[in-house]
């Protein structure tokens, strides 16, 4: 899950495994596998970095 910011400033959390495409038109549009689209403040590179960080954290063994 990653947190993104809508154009009006509201933050929301998105399941990054369901992202189909990222487009900069020049605003960033996140298109999900189900067809829903989100217009966000973050650029594509920043979103990709958030996804990479999330996946790295998921692959770390749990510390008990």
PDB file of N, CA and C in Angstrom:
ATOM      1  N   UNK A   1       0.851  -1.172   0.000  1.00  0.00           N
ATOM      2  CA  UNK A   1       0.000   0.000   0.000  1.00  0.00           C
ATOM      3  C   UNK A   1       0.898   1.237   0.000  1.00  0.00           C
ATOM      4  N   UNK A   2       0.520   2.237  -0.773  1.00  0.00           N
ATOM      5  CA  UNK A   2       1.254   3.500  -0.814  1.00  0.00           C
ATOM      6  C   UNK A   2       0.276   4.649  -0.584  1.00  0.00           C
ATOM      7  N   UNK A   3       0.787   5.735  -0.052  1.00  0.00           N
ATOM      8  CA  UNK A   3      -0.041   6.909   0.195  1.00  0.00           C
ATOM      9  C   UNK A   3       0.260   7.954  -0.869  1.00  0.00           C
ATOM     10  N   UNK A   4      -0.795   8.471  -1.494  1.00  0.00           N
ATOM     11  CA  UNK A   4      -0.685   9.489  -2.535  1.00  0.00           C
ATOM     12  C   UNK A   4      -1.543  10.693  -2.158  1.00  0.00           C
ATOM     13  N   UNK A   5      -1.391  11.776  -2.924  1.00  0.00           N
ATOM     14  CA  UNK A   5      -2.104  13.018  -2.644  1.00  0.00           C
ATOM     15  C   UNK A   5      -2.923  13.436  -3.853  1.00  0.00           C
ATOM     16  N   UNK A   6      -4.229  13.606  -3.657  1.00  0.00           N
ATOM     17  CA  UNK A   6      -5.091  14.120  -4.726  1.00  0.00           C
ATOM     18  C   UNK A   6      -4.723  15.576  -5.000  1.00  0.00           C
ATOM     19  N   UNK A   7      -5.148  16.117  -6.101  1.00  0.00           N
ATOM     20  CA  UNK A   7      -4.800  17.478  -6.499  1.00  0.00           C
ATOM     21  C   UNK A   7      -5.280  18.518  -5.487  1.00  0.00           C
ATOM     22  N   UNK A   8      -6.379  18.249  -4.788  1.00  0.00           N
ATOM     23  CA  UNK A   8      -6.907  19.201  -3.802  1.00  0.00           C
ATOM     24  C   UNK A   8      -6.261  19.037  -2.436  1.00  0.00           C
ATOM     25  N   UNK A   9      -5.317  18.103  -2.298  1.00  0.00           N
ATOM     26  CA  UNK A   9      -4.570  17.946  -1.059  1.00  0.00           C
ATOM     27  C   UNK A   9      -4.966  16.780  -0.179  1.00  0.00           C
ATOM     28  N   UNK A  10      -6.052  16.085  -0.495  1.00  0.00           N
ATOM     29  CA  UNK A  10      -6.467  14.950   0.328  1.00  0.00           C
ATOM     30  C   UNK A  10      -5.517  13.783   0.081  1.00  0.00           C
ATOM     31  N   UNK A  11      -5.097  13.148   1.170  1.00  0.00           N
ATOM     32  CA  UNK A  11      -4.214  11.996   1.056  1.00  0.00           C
ATOM     33  C   UNK A  11      -5.057  10.725   1.121  1.00  0.00           C
ATOM     34  N   UNK A  12      -4.628   9.703   0.362  1.00  0.00           N
ATOM     35  CA  UNK A  12      -5.332   8.424   0.370  1.00  0.00           C
ATOM     36  C   UNK A  12      -4.323   7.307   0.147  1.00  0.00           C
ATOM     37  N   UNK A  13      -4.703   6.104   0.546  1.00  0.00           N
ATOM     38  CA  UNK A  13      -3.828   4.943   0.419  1.00  0.00           C
ATOM     39  C   UNK A  13      -4.358   4.039  -0.674  1.00  0.00           C
ATOM     40  N   UNK A  14      -3.420   3.557  -1.474  1.00  0.00           N
ATOM     41  CA  UNK A  14      -3.771   2.808  -2.682  1.00  0.00           C
ATOM     42  C   UNK A  14      -3.022   1.481  -2.689  1.00  0.00           C
ATOM     43  N   UNK A  15      -3.669   0.425  -3.136  1.00  0.00           N
ATOM     44  CA  UNK A  15      -3.003  -0.869  -3.290  1.00  0.00           C
ATOM     45  C   UNK A  15      -2.187  -0.815  -4.580  1.00  0.00           C
ATOM     46  N   UNK A  16      -0.865  -0.721  -4.434  1.00  0.00           N
ATOM     47  CA  UNK A  16      -0.002  -0.540  -5.599  1.00  0.00           C
ATOM     48  C   UNK A  16       0.035  -1.772  -6.507  1.00  0.00           C
ATOM     49  N   UNK A  17      -0.382  -2.934  -6.017  1.00  0.00           N
ATOM     50  CA  UNK A  17      -0.428  -4.132  -6.857  1.00  0.00           C
ATOM     51  C   UNK A  17      -1.522  -4.045  -7.916  1.00  0.00           C
ATOM     52  N   UNK A  18      -2.437  -3.078  -7.776  1.00  0.00           N
ATOM     53  CA  UNK A  18      -3.557  -2.958  -8.702  1.00  0.00           C
ATOM     54  C   UNK A  18      -3.377  -1.823  -9.708  1.00  0.00           C
ATOM     55  N   UNK A  19      -2.194  -1.215  -9.733  1.00  0.00           N
ATOM     56  CA  UNK A  19      -1.939  -0.143 -10.701  1.00  0.00           C
ATOM     57  C   UNK A  19      -1.655  -0.757 -12.064  1.00  0.00           C
ATOM     58  N   UNK A  20      -2.352  -0.255 -13.073  1.00  0.00           N
ATOM     59  CA  UNK A  20      -2.115  -0.712 -14.442  1.00  0.00           C
ATOM     60  C   UNK A  20      -1.141   0.217 -15.151  1.00  0.00           C
ATOM     61  N   UNK A  21      -1.397   1.550 -15.086  1.00  0.00           N
ATOM     62  CA  UNK A  21      -0.513   2.501 -15.758  1.00  0.00           C
ATOM     63  C   UNK A  21      -0.356   3.775 -14.936  1.00  0.00           C
ATOM     64  N   UNK A  22       0.771   4.464 -15.180  1.00  0.00           N
ATOM     65  CA  UNK A  22       1.027   5.801 -14.674  1.00  0.00           C
ATOM     66  C   UNK A  22       1.285   6.680 -15.887  1.00  0.00           C
ATOM     67  N   UNK A  23       0.603   7.825 -15.958  1.00  0.00           N
ATOM     68  CA  UNK A  23       0.794   8.755 -17.078  1.00  0.00           C
ATOM     69  C   UNK A  23       0.999  10.158 -16.532  1.00  0.00           C
ATOM     70  N   UNK A  24       1.862  10.927 -17.186  1.00  0.00           N
ATOM     71  CA  UNK A  24       2.011  12.342 -16.858  1.00  0.00           C
ATOM     72  C   UNK A  24       1.533  13.125 -18.069  1.00  0.00           C
ATOM     73  N   UNK A  25       0.459  13.897 -17.869  1.00  0.00           N
ATOM     74  CA  UNK A  25      -0.227  14.520 -19.012  1.00  0.00           C
ATOM     75  C   UNK A  25      -0.463  16.029 -18.919  1.00  0.00           C
ATOM     76  N   UNK A  26       0.174  16.924 -18.257  1.00  0.00           N
ATOM     77  CA  UNK A  26       1.353  16.827 -17.403  1.00  0.00           C
ATOM     78  C   UNK A  26       1.039  16.381 -15.981  1.00  0.00           C
ATOM     79  N   UNK A  27      -0.234  16.446 -15.543  1.00  0.00           N
ATOM     80  CA  UNK A  27      -0.568  15.920 -14.214  1.00  0.00           C
ATOM     81  C   UNK A  27      -0.449  14.396 -14.252  1.00  0.00           C
ATOM     82  N   UNK A  28      -0.208  13.810 -13.107  1.00  0.00           N
ATOM     83  CA  UNK A  28      -0.046  12.356 -13.051  1.00  0.00           C
ATOM     84  C   UNK A  28      -1.405  11.688 -12.892  1.00  0.00           C
ATOM     85  N   UNK A  29      -1.673  10.734 -13.777  1.00  0.00           N
ATOM     86  CA  UNK A  29      -2.911   9.953 -13.743  1.00  0.00           C
ATOM     87  C   UNK A  29      -2.531   8.510 -13.445  1.00  0.00           C
ATOM     88  N   UNK A  30      -3.105   7.967 -12.367  1.00  0.00           N
ATOM     89  CA  UNK A  30      -2.895   6.568 -11.994  1.00  0.00           C
ATOM     90  C   UNK A  30      -4.139   5.810 -12.448  1.00  0.00           C
ATOM     91  N   UNK A  31      -3.956   4.834 -13.321  1.00  0.00           N
ATOM     92  CA  UNK A  31      -5.070   4.015 -13.786  1.00  0.00           C
ATOM     93  C   UNK A  31      -4.951   2.640 -13.152  1.00  0.00           C
ATOM     94  N   UNK A  32      -6.033   2.207 -12.529  1.00  0.00           N
ATOM     95  CA  UNK A  32      -6.057   0.923 -11.836  1.00  0.00           C
ATOM     96  C   UNK A  32      -6.539  -0.179 -12.782  1.00  0.00           C
ATOM     97  N   UNK A  33      -6.316  -1.431 -12.397  1.00  0.00           N
ATOM     98  CA  UNK A  33      -6.742  -2.562 -13.216  1.00  0.00           C
ATOM     99  C   UNK A  33      -8.249  -2.583 -13.450  1.00  0.00           C
ATOM    100  N   UNK A  34      -9.021  -2.031 -12.496  1.00  0.00           N
ATOM    101  CA  UNK A  34     -10.482  -2.020 -12.627  1.00  0.00           C
ATOM    102  C   UNK A  34     -10.982  -0.826 -13.439  1.00  0.00           C
ATOM    103  N   UNK A  35     -10.049   0.018 -13.950  1.00  0.00           N
ATOM    104  CA  UNK A  35     -10.426   1.155 -14.774  1.00  0.00           C
ATOM    105  C   UNK A  35     -10.543   2.476 -14.035  1.00  0.00           C
ATOM    106  N   UNK A  36     -10.561   2.458 -12.703  1.00  0.00           N
ATOM    107  CA  UNK A  36     -10.623   3.716 -11.942  1.00  0.00           C
ATOM    108  C   UNK A  36      -9.355   4.512 -12.168  1.00  0.00           C
ATOM    109  N   UNK A  37      -9.513   5.830 -12.246  1.00  0.00           N
ATOM    110  CA  UNK A  37      -8.383   6.721 -12.468  1.00  0.00           C
ATOM    111  C   UNK A  37      -8.292   7.708 -11.319  1.00  0.00           C
ATOM    112  N   UNK A  38      -7.058   8.019 -10.925  1.00  0.00           N
ATOM    113  CA  UNK A  38      -6.793   8.980  -9.863  1.00  0.00           C
ATOM    114  C   UNK A  38      -5.817  10.018 -10.385  1.00  0.00           C
ATOM    115  N   UNK A  39      -6.156  11.291 -10.215  1.00  0.00           N
ATOM    116  CA  UNK A  39      -5.284  12.406 -10.561  1.00  0.00           C
ATOM    117  C   UNK A  39      -4.549  12.790  -9.289  1.00  0.00           C
ATOM    118  N   UNK A  40      -3.212  12.689  -9.300  1.00  0.00           N
ATOM    119  CA  UNK A  40      -2.432  12.890  -8.077  1.00  0.00           C
ATOM    120  C   UNK A  40      -1.320  13.908  -8.290  1.00  0.00           C
ATOM    121  N   UNK A  41      -0.823  14.447  -7.172  1.00  0.00           N
ATOM    122  CA  UNK A  41       0.247  15.453  -7.194  1.00  0.00           C
ATOM    123  C   UNK A  41       1.617  14.843  -7.467  1.00  0.00           C
ATOM    124  N   UNK A  42       1.831  13.619  -7.012  1.00  0.00           N
ATOM    125  CA  UNK A  42       3.138  12.988  -7.154  1.00  0.00           C
ATOM    126  C   UNK A  42       3.442  12.697  -8.630  1.00  0.00           C
ATOM    127  N   UNK A  43       4.713  12.787  -8.987  1.00  0.00           N
ATOM    128  CA  UNK A  43       5.165  12.433 -10.334  1.00  0.00           C
ATOM    129  C   UNK A  43       5.368  10.924 -10.403  1.00  0.00           C
ATOM    130  N   UNK A  44       5.420  10.388 -11.607  1.00  0.00           N
ATOM    131  CA  UNK A  44       5.560   8.938 -11.805  1.00  0.00           C
ATOM    132  C   UNK A  44       6.771   8.373 -11.079  1.00  0.00           C
ATOM    133  N   UNK A  45       7.910   9.053 -11.178  1.00  0.00           N
ATOM    134  CA  UNK A  45       9.125   8.561 -10.536  1.00  0.00           C
ATOM    135  C   UNK A  45       8.985   8.437  -9.037  1.00  0.00           C
ATOM    136  N   UNK A  46       8.293   9.391  -8.421  1.00  0.00           N
ATOM    137  CA  UNK A  46       8.071   9.350  -6.977  1.00  0.00           C
ATOM    138  C   UNK A  46       7.155   8.186  -6.608  1.00  0.00           C
ATOM    139  N   UNK A  47       6.146   7.942  -7.422  1.00  0.00           N
ATOM    140  CA  UNK A  47       5.229   6.828  -7.163  1.00  0.00           C
ATOM    141  C   UNK A  47       5.976   5.502  -7.293  1.00  0.00           C
ATOM    142  N   UNK A  48       6.805   5.382  -8.304  1.00  0.00           N
ATOM    143  CA  UNK A  48       7.591   4.159  -8.489  1.00  0.00           C
ATOM    144  C   UNK A  48       8.513   3.943  -7.296  1.00  0.00           C
ATOM    145  N   UNK A  49       9.140   5.007  -6.804  1.00  0.00           N
ATOM    146  CA  UNK A  49      10.000   4.894  -5.625  1.00  0.00           C
ATOM    147  C   UNK A  49       9.221   4.429  -4.401  1.00  0.00           C
ATOM    148  N   UNK A  50       8.003   4.940  -4.225  1.00  0.00           N
ATOM    149  CA  UNK A  50       7.154   4.521  -3.104  1.00  0.00           C
ATOM    150  C   UNK A  50       6.808   3.035  -3.218  1.00  0.00           C
ATOM    151  N   UNK A  51       6.518   2.586  -4.430  1.00  0.00           N
ATOM    152  CA  UNK A  51       6.187   1.175  -4.652  1.00  0.00           C
ATOM    153  C   UNK A  51       7.396   0.304  -4.339  1.00  0.00           C
ATOM    154  N   UNK A  52       8.583   0.706  -4.825  1.00  0.00           N
ATOM    155  CA  UNK A  52       9.797  -0.058  -4.566  1.00  0.00           C
ATOM    156  C   UNK A  52      10.085  -0.159  -3.070  1.00  0.00           C
ATOM    157  N   UNK A  53       9.944   0.956  -2.347  1.00  0.00           N
ATOM    158  CA  UNK A  53      10.177   0.963  -0.906  1.00  0.00           C
ATOM    159  C   UNK A  53       9.184   0.049  -0.194  1.00  0.00           C
ATOM    160  N   UNK A  54       7.915   0.132  -0.577  1.00  0.00           N
ATOM    161  CA  UNK A  54       6.887  -0.721   0.021  1.00  0.00           C
ATOM    162  C   UNK A  54       7.222  -2.195  -0.190  1.00  0.00           C
ATOM    163  N   UNK A  55       7.604  -2.554  -1.416  1.00  0.00           N
ATOM    164  CA  UNK A  55       7.901  -3.965  -1.716  1.00  0.00           C
ATOM    165  C   UNK A  55       9.158  -4.432  -0.997  1.00  0.00           C
ATOM    166  N   UNK A  56      10.160  -3.570  -0.878  1.00  0.00           N
ATOM    167  CA  UNK A  56      11.360  -3.934  -0.118  1.00  0.00           C
ATOM    168  C   UNK A  56      11.002  -4.209   1.342  1.00  0.00           C
ATOM    169  N   UNK A  57      10.145  -3.343   1.910  1.00  0.00           N
ATOM    170  CA  UNK A  57       9.741  -3.522   3.307  1.00  0.00           C
ATOM    171  C   UNK A  57       8.918  -4.802   3.499  1.00  0.00           C
ATOM    172  N   UNK A  58       8.163  -5.176   2.485  1.00  0.00           N
ATOM    173  CA  UNK A  58       7.344  -6.400   2.586  1.00  0.00           C
ATOM    174  C   UNK A  58       8.205  -7.644   2.569  1.00  0.00           C
ATOM    175  N   UNK A  59       9.360  -7.580   1.930  1.00  0.00           N
ATOM    176  CA  UNK A  59      10.198  -8.771   1.805  1.00  0.00           C
ATOM    177  C   UNK A  59      11.155  -8.969   2.974  1.00  0.00           C
ATOM    178  N   UNK A  60      11.196  -7.993   3.900  1.00  0.00           N
ATOM    179  CA  UNK A  60      12.054  -8.133   5.078  1.00  0.00           C
ATOM    180  C   UNK A  60      11.412  -9.119   6.052  1.00  0.00           C
ATOM    181  N   UNK A  61      12.236  -9.965   6.688  1.00  0.00           N
ATOM    182  CA  UNK A  61      11.663 -10.873   7.685  1.00  0.00           C
ATOM    183  C   UNK A  61      11.142 -10.099   8.891  1.00  0.00           C
ATOM    184  N   UNK A  62      10.094 -10.593   9.465  1.00  0.00           N
ATOM    185  CA  UNK A  62       9.502  -9.959  10.646  1.00  0.00           C
ATOM    186  C   UNK A  62      10.425 -10.142  11.841  1.00  0.00           C
ATOM    187  N   UNK A  63      10.547  -9.100  12.630  1.00  0.00           N
ATOM    188  CA  UNK A  63      11.354  -9.170  13.838  1.00  0.00           C
ATOM    189  C   UNK A  63      10.399  -9.367  15.019  1.00  0.00           C
ATOM    190  N   UNK A  64      10.619 -10.423  15.758  1.00  0.00           N
ATOM    191  CA  UNK A  64       9.752 -10.728  16.898  1.00  0.00           C
ATOM    192  C   UNK A  64      10.428 -10.436  18.202  1.00  0.00           C
TER     193      UNK A  64
END
